[in-house]
Amino acid sequence: MNSIEVEINNEGKLRVSQTETDKARCGIALESIDHKGQVYRRDLIDEGDFVMLMNFYRYIKDYDLKDDFINRDGLNDRTEFEKSNGIIM
């Protein structure tokens, strides 16, 4: 199993991986790990939802849109950008 671990606050980690079992369930595992190395939360994210989240992230960053979670200092107002470009969300 390949995984990606990212250090997060309070010496914790976030691990993204996909086991054969996860794959059979069409999901990607997201594990939250505390400072002691113990998994305290495990979520299974649908593969399609995971891709959609990554595409949404790229969309916000590519067009430098203001977003409270992804790009707080974005230069473009998302509503105005989408309206002026005929994008319906």
PDB file of N, CA and C in Angstrom:
ATOM      1  N   MET A   1       0.848  -1.183   0.000  1.00  0.00           N
ATOM      2  CA  MET A   1       0.000   0.000   0.000  1.00  0.00           C
ATOM      3  C   MET A   1       0.890   1.243   0.000  1.00  0.00           C
ATOM      4  N   ASN A   2       0.618   2.134  -0.906  1.00  0.00           N
ATOM      5  CA  ASN A   2       1.296   3.431  -0.921  1.00  0.00           C
ATOM      6  C   ASN A   2       0.434   4.422  -0.146  1.00  0.00           C
ATOM      7  N   SER A   3       1.090   5.305   0.558  1.00  0.00           N
ATOM      8  CA  SER A   3       0.351   6.326   1.285  1.00  0.00           C
ATOM      9  C   SER A   3       1.130   7.630   1.291  1.00  0.00           C
ATOM     10  N   ILE A   4       0.407   8.681   1.573  1.00  0.00           N
ATOM     11  CA  ILE A   4       0.995  10.010   1.725  1.00  0.00           C
ATOM     12  C   ILE A   4       0.660  10.460   3.133  1.00  0.00           C
ATOM     13  N   GLU A   5       1.673  10.904   3.869  1.00  0.00           N
ATOM     14  CA  GLU A   5       1.461  11.438   5.206  1.00  0.00           C
ATOM     15  C   GLU A   5       1.888  12.898   5.230  1.00  0.00           C
ATOM     16  N   VAL A   6       1.030  13.704   5.804  1.00  0.00           N
ATOM     17  CA  VAL A   6       1.286  15.131   5.911  1.00  0.00           C
ATOM     18  C   VAL A   6       1.237  15.503   7.388  1.00  0.00           C
ATOM     19  N   GLU A   7       2.261  16.214   7.856  1.00  0.00           N
ATOM     20  CA  GLU A   7       2.247  16.679   9.233  1.00  0.00           C
ATOM     21  C   GLU A   7       1.232  17.798   9.384  1.00  0.00           C
ATOM     22  N   ILE A   8       0.452  17.716  10.459  1.00  0.00           N
ATOM     23  CA  ILE A   8      -0.559  18.737  10.725  1.00  0.00           C
ATOM     24  C   ILE A   8      -0.347  19.278  12.131  1.00  0.00           C
ATOM     25  N   ASN A   9      -1.264  20.088  12.595  1.00  0.00           N
ATOM     26  CA  ASN A   9      -1.114  20.739  13.900  1.00  0.00           C
ATOM     27  C   ASN A   9      -0.992  19.740  15.048  1.00  0.00           C
ATOM     28  N   ASN A  10      -0.430  20.206  16.143  1.00  0.00           N
ATOM     29  CA  ASN A  10      -0.264  19.424  17.374  1.00  0.00           C
ATOM     30  C   ASN A  10       0.508  18.123  17.168  1.00  0.00           C
ATOM     31  N   GLU A  11       1.503  18.162  16.285  1.00  0.00           N
ATOM     32  CA  GLU A  11       2.361  17.011  15.995  1.00  0.00           C
ATOM     33  C   GLU A  11       1.599  15.814  15.438  1.00  0.00           C
ATOM     34  N   GLY A  12       0.436  16.055  14.881  1.00  0.00           N
ATOM     35  CA  GLY A  12      -0.355  14.988  14.287  1.00  0.00           C
ATOM     36  C   GLY A  12      -0.011  14.796  12.817  1.00  0.00           C
ATOM     37  N   LYS A  13      -0.674  13.828  12.213  1.00  0.00           N
ATOM     38  CA  LYS A  13      -0.474  13.543  10.791  1.00  0.00           C
ATOM     39  C   LYS A  13      -1.809  13.235  10.141  1.00  0.00           C
ATOM     40  N   LEU A  14      -1.852  13.466   8.857  1.00  0.00           N
ATOM     41  CA  LEU A  14      -2.989  13.095   8.033  1.00  0.00           C
ATOM     42  C   LEU A  14      -2.445  12.135   6.988  1.00  0.00           C
ATOM     43  N   ARG A  15      -3.020  10.942   6.917  1.00  0.00           N
ATOM     44  CA  ARG A  15      -2.542   9.930   5.973  1.00  0.00           C
ATOM     45  C   ARG A  15      -3.620   9.655   4.931  1.00  0.00           C
ATOM     46  N   VAL A  16      -3.231   9.710   3.663  1.00  0.00           N
ATOM     47  CA  VAL A  16      -4.117   9.382   2.553  1.00  0.00           C
ATOM     48  C   VAL A  16      -3.567   8.115   1.914  1.00  0.00           C
ATOM     49  N   SER A  17      -4.407   7.099   1.769  1.00  0.00           N
ATOM     50  CA  SER A  17      -3.954   5.838   1.189  1.00  0.00           C
ATOM     51  C   SER A  17      -5.132   5.103   0.566  1.00  0.00           C
ATOM     52  N   GLN A  18      -4.812   4.020  -0.133  1.00  0.00           N
ATOM     53  CA  GLN A  18      -5.866   3.183  -0.700  1.00  0.00           C
ATOM     54  C   GLN A  18      -5.406   1.731  -0.672  1.00  0.00           C
ATOM     55  N   THR A  19      -6.026   0.956   0.199  1.00  0.00           N
ATOM     56  CA  THR A  19      -5.740  -0.478   0.258  1.00  0.00           C
ATOM     57  C   THR A  19      -6.584  -1.183  -0.804  1.00  0.00           C
ATOM     58  N   GLU A  20      -6.340  -2.453  -1.005  1.00  0.00           N
ATOM     59  CA  GLU A  20      -7.159  -3.228  -1.944  1.00  0.00           C
ATOM     60  C   GLU A  20      -8.619  -3.256  -1.478  1.00  0.00           C
ATOM     61  N   THR A  21      -8.819  -3.325  -0.165  1.00  0.00           N
ATOM     62  CA  THR A  21     -10.183  -3.299   0.382  1.00  0.00           C
ATOM     63  C   THR A  21     -10.851  -1.961   0.092  1.00  0.00           C
ATOM     64  N   ASP A  22     -10.104  -0.872   0.293  1.00  0.00           N
ATOM     65  CA  ASP A  22     -10.638   0.462  -0.015  1.00  0.00           C
ATOM     66  C   ASP A  22     -10.994   0.545  -1.498  1.00  0.00           C
ATOM     67  N   LYS A  23     -10.097   0.043  -2.333  1.00  0.00           N
ATOM     68  CA  LYS A  23     -10.300   0.092  -3.778  1.00  0.00           C
ATOM     69  C   LYS A  23     -11.550  -0.695  -4.172  1.00  0.00           C
ATOM     70  N   ALA A  24     -11.747  -1.856  -3.553  1.00  0.00           N
ATOM     71  CA  ALA A  24     -12.937  -2.664  -3.837  1.00  0.00           C
ATOM     72  C   ALA A  24     -14.208  -1.919  -3.456  1.00  0.00           C
ATOM     73  N   ARG A  25     -14.105  -1.038  -2.477  1.00  0.00           N
ATOM     74  CA  ARG A  25     -15.248  -0.224  -2.038  1.00  0.00           C
ATOM     75  C   ARG A  25     -15.287   1.119  -2.762  1.00  0.00           C
ATOM     76  N   CYS A  26     -14.412   1.303  -3.767  1.00  0.00           N
ATOM     77  CA  CYS A  26     -14.319   2.540  -4.562  1.00  0.00           C
ATOM     78  C   CYS A  26     -14.032   3.746  -3.678  1.00  0.00           C
ATOM     79  N   GLY A  27     -13.138   3.554  -2.694  1.00  0.00           N
ATOM     80  CA  GLY A  27     -12.847   4.641  -1.779  1.00  0.00           C
ATOM     81  C   GLY A  27     -11.369   4.867  -1.565  1.00  0.00           C
ATOM     82  N   ILE A  28     -11.083   5.987  -0.947  1.00  0.00           N
ATOM     83  CA  ILE A  28      -9.730   6.379  -0.559  1.00  0.00           C
ATOM     84  C   ILE A  28      -9.777   6.660   0.938  1.00  0.00           C
ATOM     85  N   ALA A  29      -8.819   6.075   1.673  1.00  0.00           N
ATOM     86  CA  ALA A  29      -8.803   6.223   3.124  1.00  0.00           C
ATOM     87  C   ALA A  29      -8.146   7.540   3.518  1.00  0.00           C
ATOM     88  N   LEU A  30      -8.739   8.182   4.486  1.00  0.00           N
ATOM     89  CA  LEU A  30      -8.187   9.394   5.082  1.00  0.00           C
ATOM     90  C   LEU A  30      -8.124   9.139   6.583  1.00  0.00           C
ATOM     91  N   GLU A  31      -6.901   9.049   7.120  1.00  0.00           N
ATOM     92  CA  GLU A  31      -6.721   8.752   8.534  1.00  0.00           C
ATOM     93  C   GLU A  31      -6.108   9.949   9.251  1.00  0.00           C
ATOM     94  N   SER A  32      -6.677  10.276  10.406  1.00  0.00           N
ATOM     95  CA  SER A  32      -6.130  11.309  11.275  1.00  0.00           C
ATOM     96  C   SER A  32      -5.368  10.598  12.383  1.00  0.00           C
ATOM     97  N   ILE A  33      -4.107  10.994  12.574  1.00  0.00           N
ATOM     98  CA  ILE A  33      -3.216  10.320  13.510  1.00  0.00           C
ATOM     99  C   ILE A  33      -2.743  11.329  14.552  1.00  0.00           C
ATOM    100  N   ASP A  34      -2.838  10.959  15.829  1.00  0.00           N
ATOM    101  CA  ASP A  34      -2.439  11.889  16.876  1.00  0.00           C
ATOM    102  C   ASP A  34      -0.921  11.876  17.097  1.00  0.00           C
ATOM    103  N   HIS A  35      -0.459  12.683  18.027  1.00  0.00           N
ATOM    104  CA  HIS A  35       0.971  12.830  18.286  1.00  0.00           C
ATOM    105  C   HIS A  35       1.625  11.550  18.809  1.00  0.00           C
ATOM    106  N   LYS A  36       0.816  10.591  19.256  1.00  0.00           N
ATOM    107  CA  LYS A  36       1.337   9.310  19.736  1.00  0.00           C
ATOM    108  C   LYS A  36       1.383   8.258  18.617  1.00  0.00           C
ATOM    109  N   GLY A  37       0.927   8.636  17.428  1.00  0.00           N
ATOM    110  CA  GLY A  37       0.916   7.698  16.313  1.00  0.00           C
ATOM    111  C   GLY A  37      -0.332   6.845  16.225  1.00  0.00           C
ATOM    112  N   GLN A  38      -1.365   7.181  17.021  1.00  0.00           N
ATOM    113  CA  GLN A  38      -2.608   6.422  17.043  1.00  0.00           C
ATOM    114  C   GLN A  38      -3.639   7.035  16.096  1.00  0.00           C
ATOM    115  N   VAL A  39      -4.272   6.195  15.292  1.00  0.00           N
ATOM    116  CA  VAL A  39      -5.347   6.655  14.411  1.00  0.00           C
ATOM    117  C   VAL A  39      -6.569   6.930  15.276  1.00  0.00           C
ATOM    118  N   TYR A  40      -7.074   8.172  15.217  1.00  0.00           N
ATOM    119  CA  TYR A  40      -8.261   8.499  16.006  1.00  0.00           C
ATOM    120  C   TYR A  40      -9.485   8.756  15.142  1.00  0.00           C
ATOM    121  N   ARG A  41      -9.272   8.786  13.834  1.00  0.00           N
ATOM    122  CA  ARG A  41     -10.399   8.924  12.918  1.00  0.00           C
ATOM    123  C   ARG A  41     -10.004   8.342  11.585  1.00  0.00           C
ATOM    124  N   ARG A  42     -10.934   7.603  10.979  1.00  0.00           N
ATOM    125  CA  ARG A  42     -10.700   7.043   9.649  1.00  0.00           C
ATOM    126  C   ARG A  42     -11.947   7.269   8.818  1.00  0.00           C
ATOM    127  N   ASP A  43     -11.763   7.905   7.681  1.00  0.00           N
ATOM    128  CA  ASP A  43     -12.869   8.154   6.761  1.00  0.00           C
ATOM    129  C   ASP A  43     -12.558   7.476   5.445  1.00  0.00           C
ATOM    130  N   LEU A  44     -13.589   7.031   4.761  1.00  0.00           N
ATOM    131  CA  LEU A  44     -13.454   6.484   3.422  1.00  0.00           C
ATOM    132  C   LEU A  44     -14.150   7.452   2.477  1.00  0.00           C
ATOM    133  N   ILE A  45     -13.366   8.084   1.625  1.00  0.00           N
ATOM    134  CA  ILE A  45     -13.895   9.074   0.693  1.00  0.00           C
ATOM    135  C   ILE A  45     -14.084   8.400  -0.659  1.00  0.00           C
ATOM    136  N   ASP A  46     -15.238   8.564  -1.241  1.00  0.00           N
ATOM    137  CA  ASP A  46     -15.517   8.030  -2.566  1.00  0.00           C
ATOM    138  C   ASP A  46     -14.473   8.554  -3.555  1.00  0.00           C
ATOM    139  N   GLU A  47     -13.993   7.693  -4.445  1.00  0.00           N
ATOM    140  CA  GLU A  47     -12.963   8.101  -5.407  1.00  0.00           C
ATOM    141  C   GLU A  47     -13.398   9.314  -6.229  1.00  0.00           C
ATOM    142  N   GLY A  48     -14.647   9.307  -6.675  1.00  0.00           N
ATOM    143  CA  GLY A  48     -15.157  10.433  -7.457  1.00  0.00           C
ATOM    144  C   GLY A  48     -15.197  11.717  -6.649  1.00  0.00           C
ATOM    145  N   ASP A  49     -15.583  11.622  -5.375  1.00  0.00           N
ATOM    146  CA  ASP A  49     -15.603  12.801  -4.509  1.00  0.00           C
ATOM    147  C   ASP A  49     -14.191  13.326  -4.286  1.00  0.00           C
ATOM    148  N   PHE A  50     -13.230  12.424  -4.129  1.00  0.00           N
ATOM    149  CA  PHE A  50     -11.840  12.831  -3.934  1.00  0.00           C
ATOM    150  C   PHE A  50     -11.334  13.611  -5.153  1.00  0.00           C
ATOM    151  N   VAL A  51     -11.615  13.098  -6.335  1.00  0.00           N
ATOM    152  CA  VAL A  51     -11.199  13.786  -7.571  1.00  0.00           C
ATOM    153  C   VAL A  51     -11.905  15.129  -7.684  1.00  0.00           C
ATOM    154  N   MET A  52     -13.197  15.175  -7.353  1.00  0.00           N
ATOM    155  CA  MET A  52     -13.946  16.428  -7.404  1.00  0.00           C
ATOM    156  C   MET A  52     -13.344  17.459  -6.455  1.00  0.00           C
ATOM    157  N   LEU A  53     -12.939  17.030  -5.241  1.00  0.00           N
ATOM    158  CA  LEU A  53     -12.321  17.947  -4.289  1.00  0.00           C
ATOM    159  C   LEU A  53     -11.005  18.503  -4.824  1.00  0.00           C
ATOM    160  N   MET A  54     -10.205  17.651  -5.454  1.00  0.00           N
ATOM    161  CA  MET A  54      -8.934  18.102  -6.025  1.00  0.00           C
ATOM    162  C   MET A  54      -9.178  19.068  -7.194  1.00  0.00           C
ATOM    163  N   ASN A  55     -10.181  18.761  -8.015  1.00  0.00           N
ATOM    164  CA  ASN A  55     -10.501  19.652  -9.131  1.00  0.00           C
ATOM    165  C   ASN A  55     -11.027  20.995  -8.633  1.00  0.00           C
ATOM    166  N   PHE A  56     -11.828  20.978  -7.567  1.00  0.00           N
ATOM    167  CA  PHE A  56     -12.335  22.225  -6.985  1.00  0.00           C
ATOM    168  C   PHE A  56     -11.175  23.065  -6.451  1.00  0.00           C
ATOM    169  N   TYR A  57     -10.228  22.414  -5.774  1.00  0.00           N
ATOM    170  CA  TYR A  57      -9.037  23.101  -5.273  1.00  0.00           C
ATOM    171  C   TYR A  57      -8.286  23.773  -6.435  1.00  0.00           C
ATOM    172  N   ARG A  58      -8.068  23.031  -7.497  1.00  0.00           N
ATOM    173  CA  ARG A  58      -7.362  23.584  -8.669  1.00  0.00           C
ATOM    174  C   ARG A  58      -8.115  24.767  -9.272  1.00  0.00           C
ATOM    175  N   TYR A  59      -9.431  24.636  -9.364  1.00  0.00           N
ATOM    176  CA  TYR A  59     -10.270  25.700  -9.912  1.00  0.00           C
ATOM    177  C   TYR A  59     -10.097  26.987  -9.106  1.00  0.00           C
ATOM    178  N   ILE A  60     -10.180  26.888  -7.786  1.00  0.00           N
ATOM    179  CA  ILE A  60     -10.023  28.055  -6.918  1.00  0.00           C
ATOM    180  C   ILE A  60      -8.639  28.673  -7.095  1.00  0.00           C
ATOM    181  N   LYS A  61      -7.608  27.842  -7.109  1.00  0.00           N
ATOM    182  CA  LYS A  61      -6.233  28.340  -7.229  1.00  0.00           C
ATOM    183  C   LYS A  61      -5.931  28.880  -8.624  1.00  0.00           C
ATOM    184  N   ASP A  62      -6.374  28.167  -9.671  1.00  0.00           N
ATOM    185  CA  ASP A  62      -6.094  28.589 -11.043  1.00  0.00           C
ATOM    186  C   ASP A  62      -6.636  29.984 -11.350  1.00  0.00           C
ATOM    187  N   TYR A  63      -7.823  30.286 -10.808  1.00  0.00           N
ATOM    188  CA  TYR A  63      -8.454  31.575 -11.089  1.00  0.00           C
ATOM    189  C   TYR A  63      -8.319  32.551  -9.919  1.00  0.00           C
ATOM    190  N   ASP A  64      -7.503  32.204  -8.927  1.00  0.00           N
ATOM    191  CA  ASP A  64      -7.229  33.046  -7.765  1.00  0.00           C
ATOM    192  C   ASP A  64      -8.525  33.589  -7.155  1.00  0.00           C
ATOM    193  N   LEU A  65      -9.464  32.667  -6.916  1.00  0.00           N
ATOM    194  CA  LEU A  65     -10.765  33.047  -6.375  1.00  0.00           C
ATOM    195  C   LEU A  65     -10.721  33.088  -4.854  1.00  0.00           C
ATOM    196  N   LYS A  66     -11.449  34.034  -4.286  1.00  0.00           N
ATOM    197  CA  LYS A  66     -11.573  34.113  -2.832  1.00  0.00           C
ATOM    198  C   LYS A  66     -12.372  32.915  -2.346  1.00  0.00           C
ATOM    199  N   ASP A  67     -11.860  32.248  -1.329  1.00  0.00           N
ATOM    200  CA  ASP A  67     -12.554  31.107  -0.738  1.00  0.00           C
ATOM    201  C   ASP A  67     -12.122  31.023   0.722  1.00  0.00           C
ATOM    202  N   ASP A  68     -13.074  30.909   1.626  1.00  0.00           N
ATOM    203  CA  ASP A  68     -12.765  30.916   3.059  1.00  0.00           C
ATOM    204  C   ASP A  68     -11.866  29.765   3.494  1.00  0.00           C
ATOM    205  N   PHE A  69     -11.882  28.653   2.776  1.00  0.00           N
ATOM    206  CA  PHE A  69     -11.097  27.492   3.186  1.00  0.00           C
ATOM    207  C   PHE A  69      -9.834  27.299   2.372  1.00  0.00           C
ATOM    208  N   ILE A  70      -9.872  27.613   1.096  1.00  0.00           N
ATOM    209  CA  ILE A  70      -8.757  27.290   0.209  1.00  0.00           C
ATOM    210  C   ILE A  70      -7.868  28.493  -0.098  1.00  0.00           C
ATOM    211  N   ASN A  71      -8.466  29.660  -0.304  1.00  0.00           N
ATOM    212  CA  ASN A  71      -7.698  30.804  -0.789  1.00  0.00           C
ATOM    213  C   ASN A  71      -8.280  32.107  -0.232  1.00  0.00           C
ATOM    214  N   ARG A  72      -8.068  32.318   1.053  1.00  0.00           N
ATOM    215  CA  ARG A  72      -8.648  33.495   1.727  1.00  0.00           C
ATOM    216  C   ARG A  72      -8.203  34.819   1.124  1.00  0.00           C
ATOM    217  N   ASP A  73      -7.002  34.858   0.575  1.00  0.00           N
ATOM    218  CA  ASP A  73      -6.479  36.102   0.012  1.00  0.00           C
ATOM    219  C   ASP A  73      -6.644  36.178  -1.498  1.00  0.00           C
ATOM    220  N   GLY A  74      -7.540  35.373  -2.046  1.00  0.00           N
ATOM    221  CA  GLY A  74      -7.759  35.382  -3.494  1.00  0.00           C
ATOM    222  C   GLY A  74      -8.143  36.757  -3.999  1.00  0.00           C
ATOM    223  N   LEU A  75      -7.717  37.064  -5.205  1.00  0.00           N
ATOM    224  CA  LEU A  75      -7.973  38.384  -5.779  1.00  0.00           C
ATOM    225  C   LEU A  75      -9.345  38.522  -6.422  1.00  0.00           C
ATOM    226  N   ASN A  76      -9.958  37.414  -6.810  1.00  0.00           N
ATOM    227  CA  ASN A  76     -11.214  37.480  -7.555  1.00  0.00           C
ATOM    228  C   ASN A  76     -12.390  36.959  -6.731  1.00  0.00           C
ATOM    229  N   ASP A  77     -13.475  37.707  -6.751  1.00  0.00           N
ATOM    230  CA  ASP A  77     -14.703  37.276  -6.112  1.00  0.00           C
ATOM    231  C   ASP A  77     -15.296  36.145  -6.955  1.00  0.00           C
ATOM    232  N   ARG A  78     -15.549  35.016  -6.334  1.00  0.00           N
ATOM    233  CA  ARG A  78     -15.996  33.836  -7.082  1.00  0.00           C
ATOM    234  C   ARG A  78     -17.328  34.064  -7.783  1.00  0.00           C
ATOM    235  N   THR A  79     -18.293  34.656  -7.094  1.00  0.00           N
ATOM    236  CA  THR A  79     -19.609  34.892  -7.686  1.00  0.00           C
ATOM    237  C   THR A  79     -19.500  35.786  -8.915  1.00  0.00           C
ATOM    238  N   GLU A  80     -18.764  36.874  -8.796  1.00  0.00           N
ATOM    239  CA  GLU A  80     -18.595  37.793  -9.929  1.00  0.00           C
ATOM    240  C   GLU A  80     -17.829  37.128 -11.070  1.00  0.00           C
ATOM    241  N   PHE A  81     -16.785  36.378 -10.749  1.00  0.00           N
ATOM    242  CA  PHE A  81     -15.999  35.676 -11.767  1.00  0.00           C
ATOM    243  C   PHE A  81     -16.883  34.712 -12.548  1.00  0.00           C
ATOM    244  N   GLU A  82     -17.668  33.920 -11.837  1.00  0.00           N
ATOM    245  CA  GLU A  82     -18.507  32.930 -12.494  1.00  0.00           C
ATOM    246  C   GLU A  82     -19.609  33.591 -13.317  1.00  0.00           C
ATOM    247  N   LYS A  83     -20.166  34.668 -12.792  1.00  0.00           N
ATOM    248  CA  LYS A  83     -21.215  35.375 -13.539  1.00  0.00           C
ATOM    249  C   LYS A  83     -20.649  35.969 -14.828  1.00  0.00           C
ATOM    250  N   SER A  84     -19.488  36.594 -14.738  1.00  0.00           N
ATOM    251  CA  SER A  84     -18.908  37.240 -15.939  1.00  0.00           C
ATOM    252  C   SER A  84     -18.377  36.233 -16.945  1.00  0.00           C
ATOM    253  N   ASN A  85     -18.177  34.977 -16.528  1.00  0.00           N
ATOM    254  CA  ASN A  85     -17.688  33.950 -17.437  1.00  0.00           C
ATOM    255  C   ASN A  85     -18.756  32.923 -17.788  1.00  0.00           C
ATOM    256  N   GLY A  86     -20.014  33.203 -17.418  1.00  0.00           N
ATOM    257  CA  GLY A  86     -21.120  32.323 -17.761  1.00  0.00           C
ATOM    258  C   GLY A  86     -21.043  30.949 -17.119  1.00  0.00           C
ATOM    259  N   ILE A  87     -20.430  30.873 -15.942  1.00  0.00           N
ATOM    260  CA  ILE A  87     -20.296  29.600 -15.243  1.00  0.00           C
ATOM    261  C   ILE A  87     -21.433  29.462 -14.249  1.00  0.00           C
ATOM    262  N   ILE A  88     -22.133  28.352 -14.328  1.00  0.00           N
ATOM    263  CA  ILE A  88     -23.243  28.090 -13.412  1.00  0.00           C
ATOM    264  C   ILE A  88     -22.795  26.995 -12.459  1.00  0.00           C
ATOM    265  N   MET A  89     -22.767  27.328 -11.165  1.00  0.00           N
ATOM    266  CA  MET A  89     -22.350  26.337 -10.162  1.00  0.00           C
ATOM    267  C   MET A  89     -23.519  25.964  -9.295  1.00  0.00           C
TER     268      MET A  89
END
